[in-house]
Each structure stands twice: as structure tokens, then as C-alpha cells.
PDB file of N, CA and C in Angstrom:
ATOM      1  N   MET A   1     137.877 134.970  53.945  1.00  0.00           N
ATOM      2  CA  MET A   1     136.471 135.261  54.238  1.00  0.00           C
ATOM      3  C   MET A   1     135.836 135.884  53.000  1.00  0.00           C
ATOM      4  N   SER A   2     134.718 135.353  52.605  1.00  0.00           N
ATOM      5  CA  SER A   2     134.009 135.819  51.400  1.00  0.00           C
ATOM      6  C   SER A   2     132.988 136.881  51.764  1.00  0.00           C
ATOM      7  N   MET A   3     132.908 137.878  50.860  1.00  0.00           N
ATOM      8  CA  MET A   3     131.881 138.900  51.047  1.00  0.00           C
ATOM      9  C   MET A   3     130.556 138.340  50.546  1.00  0.00           C
ATOM     10  N   ASN A   4     129.475 138.979  50.877  1.00  0.00           N
ATOM     11  CA  ASN A   4     128.140 138.535  50.531  1.00  0.00           C
ATOM     12  C   ASN A   4     127.904 138.639  49.025  1.00  0.00           C
ATOM     13  N   ASP A   5     127.585 137.503  48.391  1.00  0.00           N
ATOM     14  CA  ASP A   5     127.311 137.486  46.952  1.00  0.00           C
ATOM     15  C   ASP A   5     126.082 138.285  46.574  1.00  0.00           C
ATOM     16  N   HIS A   6     125.215 138.567  47.507  1.00  0.00           N
ATOM     17  CA  HIS A   6     123.982 139.295  47.192  1.00  0.00           C
ATOM     18  C   HIS A   6     124.250 140.743  46.755  1.00  0.00           C
ATOM     19  N   ILE A   7     125.447 141.273  47.059  1.00  0.00           N
ATOM     20  CA  ILE A   7     125.717 142.651  46.688  1.00  0.00           C
ATOM     21  C   ILE A   7     125.677 142.832  45.170  1.00  0.00           C
ATOM     22  N   GLN A   8     125.952 141.756  44.410  1.00  0.00           N
ATOM     23  CA  GLN A   8     125.900 141.898  42.963  1.00  0.00           C
ATOM     24  C   GLN A   8     124.474 142.132  42.446  1.00  0.00           C
ATOM     25  N   GLU A   9     123.465 141.916  43.269  1.00  0.00           N
ATOM     26  CA  GLU A   9     122.094 142.199  42.856  1.00  0.00           C
ATOM     27  C   GLU A   9     121.831 143.682  42.643  1.00  0.00           C
ATOM     28  N   ILE A  10     122.711 144.556  43.125  1.00  0.00           N
ATOM     29  CA  ILE A  10     122.492 145.983  42.939  1.00  0.00           C
ATOM     30  C   ILE A  10     123.061 146.498  41.633  1.00  0.00           C
ATOM     31  N   LEU A  11     123.833 145.671  40.913  1.00  0.00           N
ATOM     32  CA  LEU A  11     124.391 146.112  39.639  1.00  0.00           C
ATOM     33  C   LEU A  11     123.288 146.484  38.679  1.00  0.00           C
ATOM     34  N   GLY A  12     123.454 147.636  38.049  1.00  0.00           N
ATOM     35  CA  GLY A  12     122.503 148.097  37.046  1.00  0.00           C
ATOM     36  C   GLY A  12     121.285 148.837  37.641  1.00  0.00           C
ATOM     37  N   LYS A  13     121.141 148.837  38.964  1.00  0.00           N
ATOM     38  CA  LYS A  13     120.012 149.537  39.570  1.00  0.00           C
ATOM     39  C   LYS A  13     120.344 151.020  39.660  1.00  0.00           C
ATOM     40  N   ARG A  14     119.331 151.840  39.715  1.00  0.00           N
ATOM     41  CA  ARG A  14     119.496 153.293  39.834  1.00  0.00           C
ATOM     42  C   ARG A  14     119.205 153.732  41.256  1.00  0.00           C
ATOM     43  N   ILE A  15     120.194 154.323  41.903  1.00  0.00           N
ATOM     44  CA  ILE A  15     120.021 154.810  43.257  1.00  0.00           C
ATOM     45  C   ILE A  15     119.232 156.093  43.242  1.00  0.00           C
ATOM     46  N   VAL A  16     118.144 156.136  44.040  1.00  0.00           N
ATOM     47  CA  VAL A  16     117.338 157.361  44.137  1.00  0.00           C
ATOM     48  C   VAL A  16     117.399 157.950  45.539  1.00  0.00           C
ATOM     49  N   GLY A  17     117.992 157.229  46.471  1.00  0.00           N
ATOM     50  CA  GLY A  17     118.112 157.751  47.831  1.00  0.00           C
ATOM     51  C   GLY A  17     119.153 156.992  48.620  1.00  0.00           C
ATOM     52  N   VAL A  18     119.699 157.664  49.608  1.00  0.00           N
ATOM     53  CA  VAL A  18     120.681 157.063  50.512  1.00  0.00           C
ATOM     54  C   VAL A  18     120.325 157.474  51.931  1.00  0.00           C
ATOM     55  N   VAL A  19     120.226 156.519  52.817  1.00  0.00           N
ATOM     56  CA  VAL A  19     119.948 156.785  54.239  1.00  0.00           C
ATOM     57  C   VAL A  19     121.167 156.334  55.020  1.00  0.00           C
ATOM     58  N   ALA A  20     121.791 157.221  55.789  1.00  0.00           N
ATOM     59  CA  ALA A  20     122.895 156.892  56.653  1.00  0.00           C
ATOM     60  C   ALA A  20     122.422 156.964  58.088  1.00  0.00           C
ATOM     61  N   LYS A  21     122.674 155.909  58.859  1.00  0.00           N
ATOM     62  CA  LYS A  21     122.199 155.878  60.258  1.00  0.00           C
ATOM     63  C   LYS A  21     123.345 155.479  61.168  1.00  0.00           C
ATOM     64  N   LYS A  22     123.285 155.963  62.375  1.00  0.00           N
ATOM     65  CA  LYS A  22     124.245 155.527  63.411  1.00  0.00           C
ATOM     66  C   LYS A  22     123.576 155.519  64.764  1.00  0.00           C
ATOM     67  N   TRP A  23     123.971 154.611  65.611  1.00  0.00           N
ATOM     68  CA  TRP A  23     123.431 154.544  66.932  1.00  0.00           C
ATOM     69  C   TRP A  23     124.417 153.887  67.896  1.00  0.00           C
ATOM     70  N   ASP A  24     124.068 153.717  69.159  1.00  0.00           N
ATOM     71  CA  ASP A  24     125.002 153.216  70.140  1.00  0.00           C
ATOM     72  C   ASP A  24     124.983 151.687  70.285  1.00  0.00           C
ATOM     73  N   ARG A  25     124.217 150.994  69.478  1.00  0.00           N
ATOM     74  CA  ARG A  25     124.181 149.519  69.476  1.00  0.00           C
ATOM     75  C   ARG A  25     124.834 148.985  68.211  1.00  0.00           C
ATOM     76  N   LEU A  26     125.117 147.690  68.192  1.00  0.00           N
ATOM     77  CA  LEU A  26     125.674 147.085  66.992  1.00  0.00           C
ATOM     78  C   LEU A  26     124.574 146.741  66.021  1.00  0.00           C
ATOM     79  N   PRO A  27     124.708 146.885  64.721  1.00  0.00           N
ATOM     80  CA  PRO A  27     125.829 147.557  64.084  1.00  0.00           C
ATOM     81  C   PRO A  27     125.742 149.070  64.277  1.00  0.00           C
ATOM     82  N   ARG A  28     126.836 149.700  64.593  1.00  0.00           N
ATOM     83  CA  ARG A  28     126.818 151.115  64.934  1.00  0.00           C
ATOM     84  C   ARG A  28     126.522 152.019  63.738  1.00  0.00           C
ATOM     85  N   ASN A  29     126.916 151.575  62.564  1.00  0.00           N
ATOM     86  CA  ASN A  29     126.731 152.409  61.369  1.00  0.00           C
ATOM     87  C   ASN A  29     126.035 151.608  60.288  1.00  0.00           C
ATOM     88  N   MET A  30     125.142 152.282  59.547  1.00  0.00           N
ATOM     89  CA  MET A  30     124.406 151.636  58.477  1.00  0.00           C
ATOM     90  C   MET A  30     124.178 152.629  57.342  1.00  0.00           C
ATOM     91  N   VAL A  31     124.329 152.159  56.126  1.00  0.00           N
ATOM     92  CA  VAL A  31     123.985 152.930  54.955  1.00  0.00           C
ATOM     93  C   VAL A  31     122.994 152.077  54.164  1.00  0.00           C
ATOM     94  N   ILE A  32     121.855 152.687  53.816  1.00  0.00           N
ATOM     95  CA  ILE A  32     120.849 151.987  53.023  1.00  0.00           C
ATOM     96  C   ILE A  32     120.753 152.673  51.676  1.00  0.00           C
ATOM     97  N   LEU A  33     121.026 151.920  50.622  1.00  0.00           N
ATOM     98  CA  LEU A  33     120.847 152.444  49.268  1.00  0.00           C
ATOM     99  C   LEU A  33     119.436 152.108  48.806  1.00  0.00           C
ATOM    100  N   VAL A  34     118.707 153.095  48.347  1.00  0.00           N
ATOM    101  CA  VAL A  34     117.314 152.929  47.913  1.00  0.00           C
ATOM    102  C   VAL A  34     117.287 153.068  46.381  1.00  0.00           C
ATOM    103  N   PHE A  35     116.645 152.126  45.707  1.00  0.00           N
ATOM    104  CA  PHE A  35     116.638 152.077  44.248  1.00  0.00           C
ATOM    105  C   PHE A  35     115.255 152.456  43.681  1.00  0.00           C
ATOM    106  N   ASP A  36     115.267 152.828  42.414  1.00  0.00           N
ATOM    107  CA  ASP A  36     114.031 153.311  41.777  1.00  0.00           C
ATOM    108  C   ASP A  36     112.990 152.195  41.538  1.00  0.00           C
ATOM    109  N   ASP A  37     113.364 150.945  41.761  1.00  0.00           N
ATOM    110  CA  ASP A  37     112.403 149.851  41.566  1.00  0.00           C
ATOM    111  C   ASP A  37     111.716 149.457  42.888  1.00  0.00           C
ATOM    112  N   GLY A  38     111.928 150.262  43.934  1.00  0.00           N
ATOM    113  CA  GLY A  38     111.296 149.986  45.221  1.00  0.00           C
ATOM    114  C   GLY A  38     112.057 149.022  46.103  1.00  0.00           C
ATOM    115  N   THR A  39     113.306 148.705  45.740  1.00  0.00           N
ATOM    116  CA  THR A  39     114.149 147.845  46.579  1.00  0.00           C
ATOM    117  C   THR A  39     115.199 148.680  47.283  1.00  0.00           C
ATOM    118  N   SER A  40     115.878 148.074  48.261  1.00  0.00           N
ATOM    119  CA  SER A  40     116.962 148.755  48.946  1.00  0.00           C
ATOM    120  C   SER A  40     118.028 147.739  49.345  1.00  0.00           C
ATOM    121  N   TYR A  41     119.232 148.230  49.676  1.00  0.00           N
ATOM    122  CA  TYR A  41     120.338 147.353  50.072  1.00  0.00           C
ATOM    123  C   TYR A  41     121.056 148.016  51.235  1.00  0.00           C
ATOM    124  N   GLU A  42     121.310 147.231  52.288  1.00  0.00           N
ATOM    125  CA  GLU A  42     121.954 147.761  53.498  1.00  0.00           C
ATOM    126  C   GLU A  42     123.449 147.398  53.502  1.00  0.00           C
ATOM    127  N   LEU A  43     124.255 148.356  53.892  1.00  0.00           N
ATOM    128  CA  LEU A  43     125.664 148.148  54.198  1.00  0.00           C
ATOM    129  C   LEU A  43     125.819 148.584  55.655  1.00  0.00           C
ATOM    130  N   TYR A  44     126.361 147.703  56.479  1.00  0.00           N
ATOM    131  CA  TYR A  44     126.470 148.064  57.897  1.00  0.00           C
ATOM    132  C   TYR A  44     127.729 147.495  58.528  1.00  0.00           C
ATOM    133  N   GLY A  45     128.117 148.088  59.613  1.00  0.00           N
ATOM    134  CA  GLY A  45     129.290 147.591  60.317  1.00  0.00           C
ATOM    135  C   GLY A  45     129.726 148.539  61.416  1.00  0.00           C
ATOM    136  N   GLU A  46     130.722 148.122  62.108  1.00  0.00           N
ATOM    137  CA  GLU A  46     131.256 148.919  63.215  1.00  0.00           C
ATOM    138  C   GLU A  46     131.942 150.193  62.727  1.00  0.00           C
ATOM    139  N   GLY A  47     132.560 150.122  61.575  1.00  0.00           N
ATOM    140  CA  GLY A  47     133.355 151.253  61.125  1.00  0.00           C
ATOM    141  C   GLY A  47     133.136 151.640  59.690  1.00  0.00           C
ATOM    142  N   ILE A  48     132.019 152.221  59.362  1.00  0.00           N
ATOM    143  CA  ILE A  48     131.822 152.745  58.015  1.00  0.00           C
ATOM    144  C   ILE A  48     132.203 154.217  58.055  1.00  0.00           C
ATOM    145  N   HIS A  49     133.083 154.603  57.172  1.00  0.00           N
ATOM    146  CA  HIS A  49     133.542 155.973  57.111  1.00  0.00           C
ATOM    147  C   HIS A  49     133.214 156.504  55.716  1.00  0.00           C
ATOM    148  N   PHE A  50     132.834 157.761  55.636  1.00  0.00           N
ATOM    149  CA  PHE A  50     132.399 158.342  54.379  1.00  0.00           C
ATOM    150  C   PHE A  50     133.533 159.131  53.730  1.00  0.00           C
ATOM    151  N   ALA A  51     133.650 159.027  52.430  1.00  0.00           N
ATOM    152  CA  ALA A  51     134.658 159.759  51.681  1.00  0.00           C
ATOM    153  C   ALA A  51     134.242 161.215  51.548  1.00  0.00           C
ATOM    154  N   LYS A  52     135.168 162.044  51.093  1.00  0.00           N
ATOM    155  CA  LYS A  52     134.899 163.455  50.936  1.00  0.00           C
ATOM    156  C   LYS A  52     134.005 163.756  49.745  1.00  0.00           C
ATOM    157  N   GLY A  53     133.951 162.858  48.789  1.00  0.00           N
ATOM    158  CA  GLY A  53     133.148 163.095  47.607  1.00  0.00           C
ATOM    159  C   GLY A  53     133.392 162.022  46.589  1.00  0.00           C
ATOM    160  N   LEU A  54     132.893 162.259  45.352  1.00  0.00           N
ATOM    161  CA  LEU A  54     133.054 161.299  44.279  1.00  0.00           C
ATOM    162  C   LEU A  54     134.480 161.269  43.778  1.00  0.00           C
ATOM    163  N   ASP A  55     134.920 160.097  43.353  1.00  0.00           N
ATOM    164  CA  ASP A  55     136.216 159.962  42.713  1.00  0.00           C
ATOM    165  C   ASP A  55     135.975 159.685  41.228  1.00  0.00           C
ATOM    166  N   ARG A  56     136.898 160.114  40.396  1.00  0.00           N
ATOM    167  CA  ARG A  56     136.824 159.816  38.971  1.00  0.00           C
ATOM    168  C   ARG A  56     137.419 158.440  38.729  1.00  0.00           C
ATOM    169  N   GLY A  57     136.879 157.753  37.731  1.00  0.00           N
ATOM    170  CA  GLY A  57     137.466 156.461  37.347  1.00  0.00           C
ATOM    171  C   GLY A  57     136.430 155.360  37.339  1.00  0.00           C
ATOM    172  N   GLY A  58     136.782 154.295  36.702  1.00  0.00           N
ATOM    173  CA  GLY A  58     135.899 153.140  36.574  1.00  0.00           C
ATOM    174  C   GLY A  58     136.411 151.975  37.403  1.00  0.00           C
ATOM    175  N   MET A  59     136.075 150.773  36.929  1.00  0.00           N
ATOM    176  CA  MET A  59     136.448 149.542  37.677  1.00  0.00           C
ATOM    177  C   MET A  59     137.967 149.404  37.801  1.00  0.00           C
ATOM    178  N   ALA A  60     138.713 149.670  36.729  1.00  0.00           N
ATOM    179  CA  ALA A  60     140.157 149.512  36.798  1.00  0.00           C
ATOM    180  C   ALA A  60     140.777 150.406  37.863  1.00  0.00           C
ATOM    181  N   GLU A  61     140.317 151.648  37.905  1.00  0.00           N
ATOM    182  CA  GLU A  61     140.836 152.598  38.904  1.00  0.00           C
ATOM    183  C   GLU A  61     140.422 152.189  40.316  1.00  0.00           C
ATOM    184  N   ALA A  62     139.196 151.712  40.490  1.00  0.00           N
ATOM    185  CA  ALA A  62     138.731 151.255  41.776  1.00  0.00           C
ATOM    186  C   ALA A  62     139.531 150.053  42.256  1.00  0.00           C
ATOM    187  N   ARG A  63     139.821 149.131  41.355  1.00  0.00           N
ATOM    188  CA  ARG A  63     140.602 147.945  41.719  1.00  0.00           C
ATOM    189  C   ARG A  63     142.030 148.340  42.068  1.00  0.00           C
ATOM    190  N   GLY A  64     142.565 149.364  41.417  1.00  0.00           N
ATOM    191  CA  GLY A  64     143.946 149.783  41.642  1.00  0.00           C
ATOM    192  C   GLY A  64     144.129 150.722  42.838  1.00  0.00           C
ATOM    193  N   TYR A  65     143.013 151.252  43.376  1.00  0.00           N
ATOM    194  CA  TYR A  65     143.093 152.166  44.489  1.00  0.00           C
ATOM    195  C   TYR A  65     143.613 151.473  45.741  1.00  0.00           C
ATOM    196  N   LEU A  66     144.486 152.096  46.488  1.00  0.00           N
ATOM    197  CA  LEU A  66     145.119 151.524  47.657  1.00  0.00           C
ATOM    198  C   LEU A  66     145.687 150.143  47.333  1.00  0.00           C
ATOM    199  N   PRO A  67     146.760 150.089  46.565  1.00  0.00           N
ATOM    200  CA  PRO A  67     147.288 148.815  46.063  1.00  0.00           C
ATOM    201  C   PRO A  67     147.712 147.842  47.161  1.00  0.00           C
ATOM    202  N   GLY A  68     147.895 148.266  48.378  1.00  0.00           N
ATOM    203  CA  GLY A  68     148.282 147.376  49.458  1.00  0.00           C
ATOM    204  C   GLY A  68     147.117 146.528  49.976  1.00  0.00           C
ATOM    205  N   MET A  69     145.888 146.906  49.613  1.00  0.00           N
ATOM    206  CA  MET A  69     144.710 146.181  50.054  1.00  0.00           C
ATOM    207  C   MET A  69     144.402 145.046  49.116  1.00  0.00           C
ATOM    208  N   THR A  70     143.848 143.931  49.640  1.00  0.00           N
ATOM    209  CA  THR A  70     143.424 142.798  48.830  1.00  0.00           C
ATOM    210  C   THR A  70     141.975 142.952  48.447  1.00  0.00           C
ATOM    211  N   ILE A  71     141.675 142.696  47.173  1.00  0.00           N
ATOM    212  CA  ILE A  71     140.276 142.723  46.718  1.00  0.00           C
ATOM    213  C   ILE A  71     139.612 141.439  47.206  1.00  0.00           C
ATOM    214  N   ALA A  72     138.591 141.572  48.041  1.00  0.00           N
ATOM    215  CA  ALA A  72     137.855 140.406  48.535  1.00  0.00           C
ATOM    216  C   ALA A  72     136.998 139.803  47.432  1.00  0.00           C
ATOM    217  N   GLN A  73     136.222 140.645  46.785  1.00  0.00           N
ATOM    218  CA  GLN A  73     135.430 140.259  45.618  1.00  0.00           C
ATOM    219  C   GLN A  73     135.060 141.525  44.888  1.00  0.00           C
ATOM    220  N   ASP A  74     134.787 141.407  43.604  1.00  0.00           N
ATOM    221  CA  ASP A  74     134.242 142.556  42.888  1.00  0.00           C
ATOM    222  C   ASP A  74     133.310 142.036  41.767  1.00  0.00           C
ATOM    223  N   TRP A  75     132.429 142.870  41.343  1.00  0.00           N
ATOM    224  CA  TRP A  75     131.438 142.523  40.325  1.00  0.00           C
ATOM    225  C   TRP A  75     131.301 143.733  39.384  1.00  0.00           C
ATOM    226  N   GLU A  76     130.941 143.459  38.148  1.00  0.00           N
ATOM    227  CA  GLU A  76     130.637 144.528  37.245  1.00  0.00           C
ATOM    228  C   GLU A  76     129.623 143.989  36.233  1.00  0.00           C
ATOM    229  N   LEU A  77     128.913 144.918  35.586  1.00  0.00           N
ATOM    230  CA  LEU A  77     127.950 144.517  34.566  1.00  0.00           C
ATOM    231  C   LEU A  77     128.685 144.110  33.300  1.00  0.00           C
ATOM    232  N   GLY A  78     128.201 143.064  32.651  1.00  0.00           N
ATOM    233  CA  GLY A  78     128.736 142.633  31.370  1.00  0.00           C
ATOM    234  C   GLY A  78     128.414 143.665  30.311  1.00  0.00           C
ATOM    235  N   PRO A  79     129.287 143.850  29.323  1.00  0.00           N
ATOM    236  CA  PRO A  79     129.068 144.888  28.320  1.00  0.00           C
ATOM    237  C   PRO A  79     127.891 144.617  27.381  1.00  0.00           C
ATOM    238  N   VAL A  80     127.522 143.350  27.179  1.00  0.00           N
ATOM    239  CA  VAL A  80     126.492 143.033  26.209  1.00  0.00           C
ATOM    240  C   VAL A  80     125.168 142.641  26.847  1.00  0.00           C
ATOM    241  N   ASP A  81     125.230 141.682  27.761  1.00  0.00           N
ATOM    242  CA  ASP A  81     123.996 141.122  28.277  1.00  0.00           C
ATOM    243  C   ASP A  81     123.471 141.803  29.526  1.00  0.00           C
ATOM    244  N   GLY A  82     124.257 142.720  30.144  1.00  0.00           N
ATOM    245  CA  GLY A  82     123.801 143.398  31.356  1.00  0.00           C
ATOM    246  C   GLY A  82     123.823 142.512  32.589  1.00  0.00           C
ATOM    247  N   LYS A  83     124.372 141.309  32.499  1.00  0.00           N
ATOM    248  CA  LYS A  83     124.464 140.423  33.649  1.00  0.00           C
ATOM    249  C   LYS A  83     125.757 140.650  34.369  1.00  0.00           C
ATOM    250  N   SER A  84     125.782 140.379  35.670  1.00  0.00           N
ATOM    251  CA  SER A  84     126.997 140.609  36.419  1.00  0.00           C
ATOM    252  C   SER A  84     128.032 139.525  36.108  1.00  0.00           C
ATOM    253  N   ARG A  85     129.283 139.916  36.239  1.00  0.00           N
ATOM    254  CA  ARG A  85     130.374 138.988  36.067  1.00  0.00           C
ATOM    255  C   ARG A  85     131.470 139.355  37.059  1.00  0.00           C
ATOM    256  N   ARG A  86     132.282 138.402  37.392  1.00  0.00           N
ATOM    257  CA  ARG A  86     133.402 138.636  38.296  1.00  0.00           C
ATOM    258  C   ARG A  86     134.674 138.718  37.510  1.00  0.00           C
TER     259      ARG A  86
END
């Protein structure tokens, strides 16, 4: 199953706000990332759980975290052109 390719649209954007919502209907949990250009991106599902805080590390550390899990997809900004790459 493929994750939504539209998530790569948030690469390079600056987050200026986060809204976390929950209710008794589906989807039960939602996180909305709000960006400084007036756009936002929703993450939602039955089971979104929040971490205790920020972790140190970049893409390599994120990819290596919980090695038993399979990476569905990942994206990062290219070093020169600022475009996303897989």
C-alpha cells in the first residue's frame, strides 16, 4: 500500500502552527500543520499518538529508527535545487 504522494508538497515549508483535534467520529484523530505561506496539511487516522518531544538526528536516523518497521515511502529536499527526491 502506497502512502499519499502529496505529503512531499510540505518539504521546505515553514510550520507556523499545529492544530491537534480528536472526536468520537472517524477519523478520531487529526493533526493539521499550518505553514507560513497560508497553506496547511492534514494527517489523520484512528491511532495518531504523540511523542514526548523532539528527537535529534536527520533523515538517516529517522530511516534507521525502529529497524523492524518497513519504510513505506520517504522524501527529502535535494541539496542543490530544493526539489524533493526519494
